[in-house]
Protein backbone atom coordinates (compact mmCIF):
# COMPACT_ATOMS: atom_id res chain seq x y z
CA MET A 1 41.65 -60.37 -40.05
CA GLU A 2 44.23 -57.80 -40.67
CA ILE A 3 41.61 -54.92 -40.52
CA ALA A 4 39.40 -56.83 -38.14
CA LYS A 5 41.61 -57.76 -34.96
CA PRO A 6 42.62 -54.04 -34.22
CA GLY A 7 39.32 -52.72 -34.58
CA ASN A 8 39.63 -51.17 -37.83
CA ILE A 9 36.81 -52.98 -39.61
CA LYS A 10 34.46 -50.42 -38.07
CA THR A 11 35.53 -47.84 -40.43
CA PHE A 12 34.20 -49.80 -43.19
CA CYS A 13 30.66 -50.94 -42.05
CA GLN A 14 28.55 -47.80 -41.80
CA PRO A 15 29.66 -46.38 -45.44
CA ASN A 16 29.35 -49.95 -46.99
CA ALA A 17 25.67 -50.06 -45.18
CA LEU A 18 24.74 -46.88 -46.50
CA ILE A 19 26.12 -47.71 -49.99
CA THR A 20 23.92 -50.93 -50.09
CA LEU A 21 20.82 -48.88 -48.87
CA GLN A 22 21.52 -46.44 -51.46
CA GLU A 23 21.55 -49.01 -54.32
CA TYR A 24 18.39 -50.78 -53.08
CA ILE A 25 16.45 -47.46 -52.56
CA ASN A 26 17.83 -46.70 -56.39
CA ASP A 27 16.52 -50.20 -57.58
CA TYR A 28 13.38 -50.95 -55.53
CA ALA A 29 11.96 -47.80 -53.61
CA ASP A 30 8.75 -45.67 -54.80
CA GLU A 31 9.48 -41.83 -54.98
CA GLU A 32 8.40 -41.33 -51.12
CA ILE A 33 10.58 -44.07 -49.77
CA LYS A 34 13.45 -42.60 -52.22
CA THR A 35 13.01 -39.22 -50.75
CA LYS A 36 12.88 -40.56 -46.99
CA GLY A 37 15.93 -42.79 -47.46
CA ASN A 38 18.24 -40.41 -49.42
CA GLN A 39 17.68 -37.84 -46.43
CA LEU A 40 18.33 -40.63 -43.96
CA ILE A 41 21.70 -41.24 -46.30
CA ASP A 42 22.54 -37.60 -46.11
CA SER A 43 21.93 -37.12 -42.36
CA VAL A 44 23.90 -40.15 -41.53
CA ILE A 45 26.75 -39.05 -43.93
CA GLU A 46 27.26 -35.80 -42.19
CA LEU A 47 28.21 -37.72 -38.90
CA LEU A 48 30.94 -39.51 -40.43
CA PRO A 49 34.54 -38.53 -39.79
CA GLU A 50 35.92 -36.39 -42.73
CA GLN A 51 37.73 -39.12 -44.76
CA GLU A 52 34.84 -41.43 -44.30
CA LYS A 53 32.61 -38.86 -45.48
CA ARG A 54 34.56 -37.85 -48.45
CA ILE A 55 34.82 -41.55 -49.40
CA THR A 56 31.16 -42.48 -48.99
CA LYS A 57 29.83 -39.15 -50.74
CA LYS A 58 32.11 -40.43 -53.70
CA MET A 59 30.94 -43.91 -53.84
CA ILE A 60 27.14 -42.80 -53.44
CA ASP A 61 27.49 -40.58 -56.51
CA ASP A 62 29.02 -43.67 -58.21
CA ILE A 63 25.77 -45.65 -57.07
CA ASN A 64 23.58 -42.91 -58.37
CA SER A 65 25.42 -42.65 -61.61
CA GLY A 66 24.52 -46.43 -62.33
CA THR A 67 27.85 -48.40 -60.95
CA ARG A 68 26.81 -51.43 -58.89
CA ASP A 69 28.28 -53.52 -56.63
CA ILE A 70 30.48 -50.88 -54.83
CA TYR A 71 32.20 -51.82 -51.33
CA LEU A 72 34.99 -50.71 -49.50
């Protein structure tokens, strides 16, 4: 509740969604969907504030290196 009540939870939602999508794409998508999904993820990351962008990119790199169940 510490982050939910003042509205700070919104900074966790989009990065977590992108990380989850990347994990799903890596595990289940065919090549066409992987390409489109990765393009979508990259374009959404660019819209994030700088600190969220940096953290999300790092976590996406971790997912792509085989780490699983990452979240903020």
